[in-house]
Amino acid sequence: MLKRNIISTAHRNGFISIFLAVPFVSLTGLFGKWISISPLMIVQWRTIFAFIALSIALIVSRKKFLFNNYREFLWLFISGVLLGAHWVAFFKSIQVSTVAIGLLSYVSYPLFTTMLEPMFFSDSKIGKNFPSTVLVVIGLLLIATSNRTNGEIISGFVLEGVLWGLVAGLGFAILTLINRLHVRNQSPLLLTCWQNGFAALILVPWSIYESWIITKNDWFLLFLLGVVCTVGGHSLLINGLRHIQAQLASLLIAGLEPILAIFFAFSFLGEIPSFRTLIGGAFIIIATLIIIKKSI
């Protein structure tokens, strides 16, 4: 009975962490519109600010800052590559299209998570994902054709936004699985710190060719993005993955994030998604419900 209560409490804490992470994650897309620099430079400085903030927090609190096993650093390096690529693709999707199109394309990642999770964990259950796949494809087609101009079936900027969103979703799905594989016995803050550190390091060879002229307003927004949204949201997400399946975490974020993000985009940017975009997004969110019903 005591063991069951402990498991129940841990499971509930995992849910709470994921729910608290959603508002932080939902606000992230807006920074892609607010900040005037390239997606690569946004991610470069986002990860630098996050790494510095987390390093200070770990050192001041006298918590573990380094890993004794070099293999852990290897996994963190790999996850850093995925984190950096995922964020660059995500902000690229937002900048070339809209917050709604970028987010709704990106949240198809639970399908990737469900397809890949059995390769990582024995406790995952494989269901027949054909109906979910069909719904996701229909949803993406509706989104991709939501802003037709001059007789075009698919608008170029919308298609580009959808494709970048899918790349971001695939990257996040793999990152989520790697995080779950390595977080059960490690501090979420420590993992988040080094993932951001390696992501920042990996991006330097490409960012040196970008413009480093940044306005005061962009510096302030980058600080908020790197410290508040990244440290807060990512740490809560990793902490939640210590107690619940990656598929379930994907469902919670995929169901809540686009709703909050579209609301924030409407409130702060005045972006109003088309009816076709909303219907396409609804198909994708319904697909996640089908996936989780078969997977848990």
C-alpha atoms as a PDB file:
ATOM      1  CA  MET A   1       0.000   0.000   0.000  1.00  0.00           C
ATOM      2  CA  LEU A   2       2.801   2.409   0.915  1.00  0.00           C
ATOM      3  CA  LYS A   3       4.622   1.649  -2.333  1.00  0.00           C
ATOM      4  CA  ARG A   4       1.425   2.240  -4.309  1.00  0.00           C
ATOM      5  CA  ASN A   5       0.895   5.609  -2.593  1.00  0.00           C
ATOM      6  CA  ILE A   6       4.489   6.626  -3.322  1.00  0.00           C
ATOM      7  CA  ILE A   7       4.035   5.707  -6.989  1.00  0.00           C
ATOM      8  CA  SER A   8       0.729   7.584  -7.107  1.00  0.00           C
ATOM      9  CA  THR A   9       2.304  10.702  -5.576  1.00  0.00           C
ATOM     10  CA  ALA A  10       5.242  10.570  -8.001  1.00  0.00           C
ATOM     11  CA  HIS A  11       2.849  10.153 -10.929  1.00  0.00           C
ATOM     12  CA  ARG A  12       0.810  13.160  -9.756  1.00  0.00           C
ATOM     13  CA  ASN A  13       3.956  15.244  -9.347  1.00  0.00           C
ATOM     14  CA  GLY A  14       4.924  14.322 -12.893  1.00  0.00           C
ATOM     15  CA  PHE A  15       1.572  15.602 -14.164  1.00  0.00           C
ATOM     16  CA  ILE A  16       1.921  18.832 -12.187  1.00  0.00           C
ATOM     17  CA  SER A  17       5.411  19.463 -13.610  1.00  0.00           C
ATOM     18  CA  ILE A  18       4.195  18.963 -17.178  1.00  0.00           C
ATOM     19  CA  PHE A  19       1.169  21.252 -16.670  1.00  0.00           C
ATOM     20  CA  LEU A  20       3.398  23.973 -15.187  1.00  0.00           C
ATOM     21  CA  ALA A  21       5.822  23.634 -18.114  1.00  0.00           C
ATOM     22  CA  VAL A  22       3.128  24.247 -20.757  1.00  0.00           C
ATOM     23  CA  PRO A  23       2.690  28.055 -20.289  1.00  0.00           C
ATOM     24  CA  PHE A  24       6.468  28.555 -20.492  1.00  0.00           C
ATOM     25  CA  VAL A  25       6.661  26.453 -23.651  1.00  0.00           C
ATOM     26  CA  SER A  26       3.577  28.108 -25.161  1.00  0.00           C
ATOM     27  CA  LEU A  27       5.100  31.586 -24.883  1.00  0.00           C
ATOM     28  CA  THR A  28       8.262  30.498 -26.677  1.00  0.00           C
ATOM     29  CA  GLY A  29       6.802  30.791 -30.173  1.00  0.00           C
ATOM     30  CA  LEU A  30       5.991  34.467 -29.686  1.00  0.00           C
ATOM     31  CA  PHE A  31       9.665  35.286 -29.207  1.00  0.00           C
ATOM     32  CA  GLY A  32      10.257  34.108 -32.778  1.00  0.00           C
ATOM     33  CA  LYS A  33       8.116  37.054 -33.890  1.00  0.00           C
ATOM     34  CA  TRP A  34       9.272  39.568 -31.285  1.00  0.00           C
ATOM     35  CA  ILE A  35      13.028  39.073 -31.770  1.00  0.00           C
ATOM     36  CA  SER A  36      14.367  40.521 -35.032  1.00  0.00           C
ATOM     37  CA  ILE A  37      17.465  38.301 -35.463  1.00  0.00           C
ATOM     38  CA  SER A  38      17.742  34.959 -37.295  1.00  0.00           C
ATOM     39  CA  PRO A  39      16.492  31.664 -35.768  1.00  0.00           C
ATOM     40  CA  LEU A  40      20.077  30.445 -35.471  1.00  0.00           C
ATOM     41  CA  MET A  41      21.123  33.492 -33.451  1.00  0.00           C
ATOM     42  CA  ILE A  42      17.989  33.297 -31.305  1.00  0.00           C
ATOM     43  CA  VAL A  43      18.890  29.735 -30.322  1.00  0.00           C
ATOM     44  CA  GLN A  44      22.573  30.599 -29.917  1.00  0.00           C
ATOM     45  CA  TRP A  45      21.888  33.250 -27.296  1.00  0.00           C
ATOM     46  CA  ARG A  46      18.947  31.406 -25.766  1.00  0.00           C
ATOM     47  CA  THR A  47      21.177  28.442 -24.948  1.00  0.00           C
ATOM     48  CA  ILE A  48      24.035  30.649 -23.730  1.00  0.00           C
ATOM     49  CA  PHE A  49      21.781  32.537 -21.308  1.00  0.00           C
ATOM     50  CA  ALA A  50      20.200  29.280 -20.118  1.00  0.00           C
ATOM     51  CA  PHE A  51      23.580  27.604 -19.553  1.00  0.00           C
ATOM     52  CA  ILE A  52      24.935  30.566 -17.580  1.00  0.00           C
ATOM     53  CA  ALA A  53      21.804  30.861 -15.424  1.00  0.00           C
ATOM     54  CA  LEU A  54      21.694  27.141 -14.649  1.00  0.00           C
ATOM     55  CA  SER A  55      25.440  26.978 -13.952  1.00  0.00           C
ATOM     56  CA  ILE A  56      25.121  29.782 -11.400  1.00  0.00           C
ATOM     57  CA  ALA A  57      22.096  28.087  -9.808  1.00  0.00           C
ATOM     58  CA  LEU A  58      23.918  24.748  -9.481  1.00  0.00           C
ATOM     59  CA  ILE A  59      27.112  26.292  -8.100  1.00  0.00           C
ATOM     60  CA  VAL A  60      25.336  28.577  -5.605  1.00  0.00           C
ATOM     61  CA  SER A  61      23.159  25.713  -4.348  1.00  0.00           C
ATOM     62  CA  ARG A  62      26.288  23.519  -4.132  1.00  0.00           C
ATOM     63  CA  LYS A  63      24.708  20.813  -6.213  1.00  0.00           C
ATOM     64  CA  LYS A  64      26.493  18.434  -8.546  1.00  0.00           C
ATOM     65  CA  PHE A  65      27.810  20.316 -11.590  1.00  0.00           C
ATOM     66  CA  LEU A  66      29.811  17.650 -13.462  1.00  0.00           C
ATOM     67  CA  PHE A  67      29.283  14.012 -14.381  1.00  0.00           C
ATOM     68  CA  ASN A  68      31.785  11.367 -13.333  1.00  0.00           C
ATOM     69  CA  ASN A  69      30.987   9.161 -16.317  1.00  0.00           C
ATOM     70  CA  TYR A  70      32.150  10.419 -19.705  1.00  0.00           C
ATOM     71  CA  ARG A  71      29.355   8.408 -21.338  1.00  0.00           C
ATOM     72  CA  GLU A  72      26.831  10.740 -19.744  1.00  0.00           C
ATOM     73  CA  PHE A  73      28.557  13.677 -21.408  1.00  0.00           C
ATOM     74  CA  LEU A  74      28.370  11.821 -24.719  1.00  0.00           C
ATOM     75  CA  TRP A  75      24.609  11.427 -24.349  1.00  0.00           C
ATOM     76  CA  LEU A  76      24.301  15.068 -23.334  1.00  0.00           C
ATOM     77  CA  PHE A  77      26.306  16.076 -26.391  1.00  0.00           C
ATOM     78  CA  ILE A  78      23.909  14.118 -28.619  1.00  0.00           C
ATOM     79  CA  SER A  79      20.882  15.606 -26.871  1.00  0.00           C
ATOM     80  CA  GLY A  80      22.465  19.063 -27.196  1.00  0.00           C
ATOM     81  CA  VAL A  81      22.688  18.571 -30.967  1.00  0.00           C
ATOM     82  CA  LEU A  82      19.014  17.568 -31.047  1.00  0.00           C
ATOM     83  CA  LEU A  83      17.997  20.457 -28.795  1.00  0.00           C
ATOM     84  CA  GLY A  84      19.766  23.032 -30.940  1.00  0.00           C
ATOM     85  CA  ALA A  85      18.423  21.604 -34.221  1.00  0.00           C
ATOM     86  CA  HIS A  86      14.899  21.334 -32.817  1.00  0.00           C
ATOM     87  CA  TRP A  87      14.836  24.961 -31.663  1.00  0.00           C
ATOM     88  CA  VAL A  88      16.339  26.353 -34.889  1.00  0.00           C
ATOM     89  CA  ALA A  89      13.723  24.489 -36.939  1.00  0.00           C
ATOM     90  CA  PHE A  90      10.957  25.614 -34.569  1.00  0.00           C
ATOM     91  CA  PHE A  91      11.823  29.325 -34.733  1.00  0.00           C
ATOM     92  CA  LYS A  92      12.360  29.088 -38.483  1.00  0.00           C
ATOM     93  CA  SER A  93       8.847  27.674 -38.832  1.00  0.00           C
ATOM     94  CA  ILE A  94       7.409  30.517 -36.741  1.00  0.00           C
ATOM     95  CA  GLN A  95       9.304  33.240 -38.615  1.00  0.00           C
ATOM     96  CA  VAL A  96       8.457  32.080 -42.143  1.00  0.00           C
ATOM     97  CA  SER A  97       4.765  31.498 -41.368  1.00  0.00           C
ATOM     98  CA  THR A  98       2.685  32.179 -38.252  1.00  0.00           C
ATOM     99  CA  VAL A  99       2.672  31.035 -34.641  1.00  0.00           C
ATOM    100  CA  ALA A 100      -0.411  28.875 -35.294  1.00  0.00           C
ATOM    101  CA  ILE A 101       1.013  27.145 -38.383  1.00  0.00           C
ATOM    102  CA  GLY A 102       4.387  26.543 -36.727  1.00  0.00           C
ATOM    103  CA  LEU A 103       2.910  25.213 -33.492  1.00  0.00           C
ATOM    104  CA  LEU A 104       0.232  23.027 -35.056  1.00  0.00           C
ATOM    105  CA  SER A 105       2.764  21.409 -37.386  1.00  0.00           C
ATOM    106  CA  TYR A 106       5.229  20.905 -34.560  1.00  0.00           C
ATOM    107  CA  VAL A 107       2.706  19.254 -32.217  1.00  0.00           C
ATOM    108  CA  SER A 108       2.427  16.275 -34.539  1.00  0.00           C
ATOM    109  CA  TYR A 109       5.498  14.979 -32.658  1.00  0.00           C
ATOM    110  CA  PRO A 110       3.522  12.556 -30.421  1.00  0.00           C
ATOM    111  CA  LEU A 111       3.122  10.407 -33.527  1.00  0.00           C
ATOM    112  CA  PHE A 112       6.919  10.337 -33.898  1.00  0.00           C
ATOM    113  CA  THR A 113       7.276   9.635 -30.166  1.00  0.00           C
ATOM    114  CA  THR A 114       4.891   6.675 -30.248  1.00  0.00           C
ATOM    115  CA  MET A 115       6.550   5.187 -33.315  1.00  0.00           C
ATOM    116  CA  LEU A 116      10.053   5.526 -31.842  1.00  0.00           C
ATOM    117  CA  GLU A 117       9.484   4.827 -28.113  1.00  0.00           C
ATOM    118  CA  PRO A 118       9.406   0.997 -28.407  1.00  0.00           C
ATOM    119  CA  MET A 119      12.978   1.231 -29.712  1.00  0.00           C
ATOM    120  CA  PHE A 120      14.018   2.852 -26.407  1.00  0.00           C
ATOM    121  CA  PHE A 121      11.797   1.292 -23.709  1.00  0.00           C
ATOM    122  CA  SER A 122      10.356  -2.159 -23.047  1.00  0.00           C
ATOM    123  CA  ASP A 123       7.329  -0.725 -21.181  1.00  0.00           C
ATOM    124  CA  SER A 124       5.986   0.968 -24.308  1.00  0.00           C
ATOM    125  CA  LYS A 125       3.075  -0.558 -26.147  1.00  0.00           C
ATOM    126  CA  ILE A 126       2.794  -0.490 -29.894  1.00  0.00           C
ATOM    127  CA  GLY A 127      -0.670   0.175 -31.252  1.00  0.00           C
ATOM    128  CA  LYS A 128      -1.966   0.357 -34.783  1.00  0.00           C
ATOM    129  CA  ASN A 129      -1.218   3.952 -35.622  1.00  0.00           C
ATOM    130  CA  PHE A 130      -2.705   4.036 -39.112  1.00  0.00           C
ATOM    131  CA  PRO A 131      -5.844   6.038 -38.109  1.00  0.00           C
ATOM    132  CA  SER A 132      -3.684   8.532 -36.231  1.00  0.00           C
ATOM    133  CA  THR A 133      -1.317   8.844 -39.167  1.00  0.00           C
ATOM    134  CA  VAL A 134      -4.216   9.556 -41.501  1.00  0.00           C
ATOM    135  CA  LEU A 135      -5.584  12.239 -39.162  1.00  0.00           C
ATOM    136  CA  VAL A 136      -2.165  13.898 -38.863  1.00  0.00           C
ATOM    137  CA  VAL A 137      -1.714  13.895 -42.646  1.00  0.00           C
ATOM    138  CA  ILE A 138      -5.196  15.360 -43.165  1.00  0.00           C
ATOM    139  CA  GLY A 139      -4.511  18.000 -40.529  1.00  0.00           C
ATOM    140  CA  LEU A 140      -1.197  18.963 -42.097  1.00  0.00           C
ATOM    141  CA  LEU A 141      -2.762  19.150 -45.570  1.00  0.00           C
ATOM    142  CA  LEU A 142      -5.492  21.442 -44.261  1.00  0.00           C
ATOM    143  CA  ILE A 143      -2.908  23.685 -42.614  1.00  0.00           C
ATOM    144  CA  ALA A 144      -0.654  23.681 -45.694  1.00  0.00           C
ATOM    145  CA  THR A 145      -3.561  24.752 -47.937  1.00  0.00           C
ATOM    146  CA  SER A 146      -4.998  27.276 -45.489  1.00  0.00           C
ATOM    147  CA  ASN A 147      -3.636  30.405 -47.176  1.00  0.00           C
ATOM    148  CA  ARG A 148      -4.038  29.877 -50.900  1.00  0.00           C
ATOM    149  CA  THR A 149      -3.221  32.892 -53.064  1.00  0.00           C
ATOM    150  CA  ASN A 150      -3.197  33.495 -56.826  1.00  0.00           C
ATOM    151  CA  GLY A 151      -4.749  30.107 -57.480  1.00  0.00           C
ATOM    152  CA  GLU A 152      -1.955  28.215 -55.728  1.00  0.00           C
ATOM    153  CA  ILE A 153      -3.048  25.038 -53.951  1.00  0.00           C
ATOM    154  CA  ILE A 154      -0.306  25.380 -51.358  1.00  0.00           C
ATOM    155  CA  SER A 155       1.141  28.739 -50.412  1.00  0.00           C
ATOM    156  CA  GLY A 156       4.932  28.685 -50.357  1.00  0.00           C
ATOM    157  CA  PHE A 157       5.407  30.292 -46.937  1.00  0.00           C
ATOM    158  CA  VAL A 158       2.801  28.016 -45.357  1.00  0.00           C
ATOM    159  CA  LEU A 159       4.370  24.859 -46.789  1.00  0.00           C
ATOM    160  CA  GLU A 160       7.791  25.987 -45.604  1.00  0.00           C
ATOM    161  CA  GLY A 161       6.382  26.636 -42.130  1.00  0.00           C
ATOM    162  CA  VAL A 162       4.777  23.183 -42.016  1.00  0.00           C
ATOM    163  CA  LEU A 163       7.958  21.404 -43.124  1.00  0.00           C
ATOM    164  CA  TRP A 164      10.138  23.226 -40.590  1.00  0.00           C
ATOM    165  CA  GLY A 165       7.498  22.472 -37.939  1.00  0.00           C
ATOM    166  CA  LEU A 166       7.678  18.753 -38.742  1.00  0.00           C
ATOM    167  CA  VAL A 167      11.475  18.781 -38.504  1.00  0.00           C
ATOM    168  CA  ALA A 168      11.155  20.477 -35.098  1.00  0.00           C
ATOM    169  CA  GLY A 169       8.607  17.863 -34.012  1.00  0.00           C
ATOM    170  CA  LEU A 170      10.811  14.936 -35.015  1.00  0.00           C
ATOM    171  CA  GLY A 171      13.774  16.440 -33.196  1.00  0.00           C
ATOM    172  CA  PHE A 172      11.733  17.039 -30.056  1.00  0.00           C
ATOM    173  CA  ALA A 173      10.344  13.486 -30.109  1.00  0.00           C
ATOM    174  CA  ILE A 174      13.838  11.975 -30.162  1.00  0.00           C
ATOM    175  CA  LEU A 175      15.028  14.452 -27.515  1.00  0.00           C
ATOM    176  CA  THR A 176      12.096  13.542 -25.246  1.00  0.00           C
ATOM    177  CA  LEU A 177      12.954   9.851 -25.479  1.00  0.00           C
ATOM    178  CA  ILE A 178      16.643  10.415 -24.748  1.00  0.00           C
ATOM    179  CA  ASN A 179      15.708  12.607 -21.778  1.00  0.00           C
ATOM    180  CA  ARG A 180      13.446   9.947 -20.341  1.00  0.00           C
ATOM    181  CA  LEU A 181      16.208   7.373 -20.798  1.00  0.00           C
ATOM    182  CA  HIS A 182      18.628   9.398 -18.683  1.00  0.00           C
ATOM    183  CA  VAL A 183      16.616  11.472 -16.206  1.00  0.00           C
ATOM    184  CA  ARG A 184      15.486   8.925 -13.664  1.00  0.00           C
ATOM    185  CA  ASN A 185      18.677   9.136 -11.632  1.00  0.00           C
ATOM    186  CA  GLN A 186      19.892  12.613 -12.582  1.00  0.00           C
ATOM    187  CA  SER A 187      19.008  16.158 -11.578  1.00  0.00           C
ATOM    188  CA  PRO A 188      16.719  17.864 -14.133  1.00  0.00           C
ATOM    189  CA  LEU A 189      18.614  21.131 -13.655  1.00  0.00           C
ATOM    190  CA  LEU A 190      21.960  19.440 -14.297  1.00  0.00           C
ATOM    191  CA  LEU A 191      20.691  17.806 -17.488  1.00  0.00           C
ATOM    192  CA  THR A 192      19.068  21.018 -18.714  1.00  0.00           C
ATOM    193  CA  CYS A 193      22.253  22.956 -17.975  1.00  0.00           C
ATOM    194  CA  TRP A 194      24.566  20.752 -20.010  1.00  0.00           C
ATOM    195  CA  GLN A 195      22.108  20.177 -22.831  1.00  0.00           C
ATOM    196  CA  ASN A 196      21.938  23.936 -23.331  1.00  0.00           C
ATOM    197  CA  GLY A 197      25.702  24.245 -22.931  1.00  0.00           C
ATOM    198  CA  PHE A 198      26.422  21.678 -25.620  1.00  0.00           C
ATOM    199  CA  ALA A 199      23.718  23.148 -27.889  1.00  0.00           C
ATOM    200  CA  ALA A 200      25.351  26.587 -27.562  1.00  0.00           C
ATOM    201  CA  LEU A 201      28.792  25.134 -28.313  1.00  0.00           C
ATOM    202  CA  ILE A 202      27.606  23.169 -31.328  1.00  0.00           C
ATOM    203  CA  LEU A 203      25.946  26.199 -32.942  1.00  0.00           C
ATOM    204  CA  VAL A 204      29.033  28.455 -32.762  1.00  0.00           C
ATOM    205  CA  PRO A 205      30.630  27.280 -36.072  1.00  0.00           C
ATOM    206  CA  TRP A 206      27.466  28.361 -37.905  1.00  0.00           C
ATOM    207  CA  SER A 207      26.525  31.432 -35.890  1.00  0.00           C
ATOM    208  CA  ILE A 208      29.892  33.149 -36.452  1.00  0.00           C
ATOM    209  CA  TYR A 209      28.759  33.801 -40.031  1.00  0.00           C
ATOM    210  CA  GLU A 210      25.565  35.514 -38.832  1.00  0.00           C
ATOM    211  CA  SER A 211      25.116  39.164 -37.926  1.00  0.00           C
ATOM    212  CA  TRP A 212      25.958  39.806 -34.263  1.00  0.00           C
ATOM    213  CA  ILE A 213      24.364  43.255 -34.219  1.00  0.00           C
ATOM    214  CA  ILE A 214      21.597  42.987 -31.615  1.00  0.00           C
ATOM    215  CA  THR A 215      19.377  45.771 -30.274  1.00  0.00           C
ATOM    216  CA  LYS A 216      18.808  46.439 -26.575  1.00  0.00           C
ATOM    217  CA  ASN A 217      15.220  45.258 -26.900  1.00  0.00           C
ATOM    218  CA  ASP A 218      16.345  41.976 -28.474  1.00  0.00           C
ATOM    219  CA  TRP A 219      18.918  41.468 -25.690  1.00  0.00           C
ATOM    220  CA  PHE A 220      16.158  41.820 -23.106  1.00  0.00           C
ATOM    221  CA  LEU A 221      13.878  39.396 -24.966  1.00  0.00           C
ATOM    222  CA  LEU A 222      16.716  36.893 -25.397  1.00  0.00           C
ATOM    223  CA  PHE A 223      17.358  37.056 -21.656  1.00  0.00           C
ATOM    224  CA  LEU A 224      13.697  36.343 -20.909  1.00  0.00           C
ATOM    225  CA  LEU A 225      13.617  33.528 -23.454  1.00  0.00           C
ATOM    226  CA  GLY A 226      16.822  31.928 -22.227  1.00  0.00           C
ATOM    227  CA  VAL A 227      16.309  32.262 -18.483  1.00  0.00           C
ATOM    228  CA  VAL A 228      12.550  32.307 -17.846  1.00  0.00           C
ATOM    229  CA  CYS A 229      11.093  30.196 -20.666  1.00  0.00           C
ATOM    230  CA  THR A 230      14.009  27.831 -21.245  1.00  0.00           C
ATOM    231  CA  VAL A 231      15.183  27.218 -17.683  1.00  0.00           C
ATOM    232  CA  GLY A 232      11.662  27.196 -16.253  1.00  0.00           C
ATOM    233  CA  GLY A 233       9.869  25.231 -18.943  1.00  0.00           C
ATOM    234  CA  HIS A 234      12.591  22.752 -19.871  1.00  0.00           C
ATOM    235  CA  SER A 235      13.464  21.918 -16.249  1.00  0.00           C
ATOM    236  CA  LEU A 236       9.822  21.281 -15.397  1.00  0.00           C
ATOM    237  CA  LEU A 237       9.423  19.120 -18.485  1.00  0.00           C
ATOM    238  CA  ILE A 238      12.457  16.981 -17.664  1.00  0.00           C
ATOM    239  CA  ASN A 239      11.314  16.645 -14.052  1.00  0.00           C
ATOM    240  CA  GLY A 240       7.904  15.435 -15.263  1.00  0.00           C
ATOM    241  CA  LEU A 241       9.541  12.791 -17.459  1.00  0.00           C
ATOM    242  CA  ARG A 242      11.029  11.211 -14.336  1.00  0.00           C
ATOM    243  CA  HIS A 243       7.568   9.979 -13.344  1.00  0.00           C
ATOM    244  CA  ILE A 244       5.407   9.583 -16.475  1.00  0.00           C
ATOM    245  CA  GLN A 245       5.801   8.041 -19.919  1.00  0.00           C
ATOM    246  CA  ALA A 246       7.146  10.177 -22.747  1.00  0.00           C
ATOM    247  CA  GLN A 247       3.986   9.436 -24.757  1.00  0.00           C
ATOM    248  CA  LEU A 248       1.773  10.836 -22.010  1.00  0.00           C
ATOM    249  CA  ALA A 249       3.946  13.925 -21.628  1.00  0.00           C
ATOM    250  CA  SER A 250       3.756  14.409 -25.391  1.00  0.00           C
ATOM    251  CA  LEU A 251      -0.037  14.214 -25.280  1.00  0.00           C
ATOM    252  CA  LEU A 252      -0.347  16.787 -22.506  1.00  0.00           C
ATOM    253  CA  ILE A 253       1.929  19.267 -24.244  1.00  0.00           C
ATOM    254  CA  ALA A 254       0.506  18.636 -27.717  1.00  0.00           C
ATOM    255  CA  GLY A 255      -3.040  19.134 -26.457  1.00  0.00           C
ATOM    256  CA  LEU A 256      -2.473  22.244 -24.353  1.00  0.00           C
ATOM    257  CA  GLU A 257       0.465  24.065 -25.962  1.00  0.00           C
ATOM    258  CA  PRO A 258      -1.171  25.028 -29.297  1.00  0.00           C
ATOM    259  CA  ILE A 259      -4.319  26.261 -27.554  1.00  0.00           C
ATOM    260  CA  LEU A 260      -2.355  28.536 -25.220  1.00  0.00           C
ATOM    261  CA  ALA A 261       0.103  29.580 -27.948  1.00  0.00           C
ATOM    262  CA  ILE A 262      -2.670  30.597 -30.363  1.00  0.00           C
ATOM    263  CA  PHE A 263      -4.367  32.508 -27.554  1.00  0.00           C
ATOM    264  CA  PHE A 264      -1.111  34.293 -26.710  1.00  0.00           C
ATOM    265  CA  ALA A 265      -0.454  35.029 -30.407  1.00  0.00           C
ATOM    266  CA  PHE A 266      -3.927  36.524 -30.744  1.00  0.00           C
ATOM    267  CA  SER A 267      -3.553  38.547 -27.536  1.00  0.00           C
ATOM    268  CA  PHE A 268      -0.021  39.888 -28.091  1.00  0.00           C
ATOM    269  CA  LEU A 269       0.512  39.741 -31.868  1.00  0.00           C
ATOM    270  CA  GLY A 270      -2.994  40.087 -33.246  1.00  0.00           C
ATOM    271  CA  GLU A 271      -2.580  36.877 -35.292  1.00  0.00           C
ATOM    272  CA  ILE A 272      -5.905  35.278 -36.165  1.00  0.00           C
ATOM    273  CA  PRO A 273      -5.530  31.750 -37.613  1.00  0.00           C
ATOM    274  CA  SER A 274      -7.814  30.800 -40.493  1.00  0.00           C
ATOM    275  CA  PHE A 275     -10.687  28.396 -39.967  1.00  0.00           C
ATOM    276  CA  ARG A 276      -8.903  25.818 -42.147  1.00  0.00           C
ATOM    277  CA  THR A 277      -5.791  26.059 -39.945  1.00  0.00           C
ATOM    278  CA  LEU A 278      -7.840  25.504 -36.789  1.00  0.00           C
ATOM    279  CA  ILE A 279      -9.619  22.494 -38.291  1.00  0.00           C
ATOM    280  CA  GLY A 280      -6.272  21.024 -39.363  1.00  0.00           C
ATOM    281  CA  GLY A 281      -4.932  21.570 -35.874  1.00  0.00           C
ATOM    282  CA  ALA A 282      -7.989  19.853 -34.410  1.00  0.00           C
ATOM    283  CA  PHE A 283      -7.274  16.763 -36.551  1.00  0.00           C
ATOM    284  CA  ILE A 284      -3.695  16.639 -35.260  1.00  0.00           C
ATOM    285  CA  ILE A 285      -4.755  17.021 -31.619  1.00  0.00           C
ATOM    286  CA  ILE A 286      -7.429  14.307 -32.024  1.00  0.00           C
ATOM    287  CA  ALA A 287      -4.725  12.047 -33.450  1.00  0.00           C
ATOM    288  CA  THR A 288      -2.720  12.431 -30.246  1.00  0.00           C
ATOM    289  CA  LEU A 289      -5.749  11.282 -28.234  1.00  0.00           C
ATOM    290  CA  ILE A 290      -6.007   8.144 -30.353  1.00  0.00           C
ATOM    291  CA  ILE A 291      -2.278   7.506 -30.002  1.00  0.00           C
ATOM    292  CA  ILE A 292      -2.277   7.775 -26.230  1.00  0.00           C
ATOM    293  CA  LYS A 293      -5.376   5.578 -25.848  1.00  0.00           C
ATOM    294  CA  LYS A 294      -3.605   2.785 -27.685  1.00  0.00           C
ATOM    295  CA  SER A 295      -0.208   3.311 -26.130  1.00  0.00           C
ATOM    296  CA  ILE A 296      -0.822   3.463 -22.378  1.00  0.00           C
END
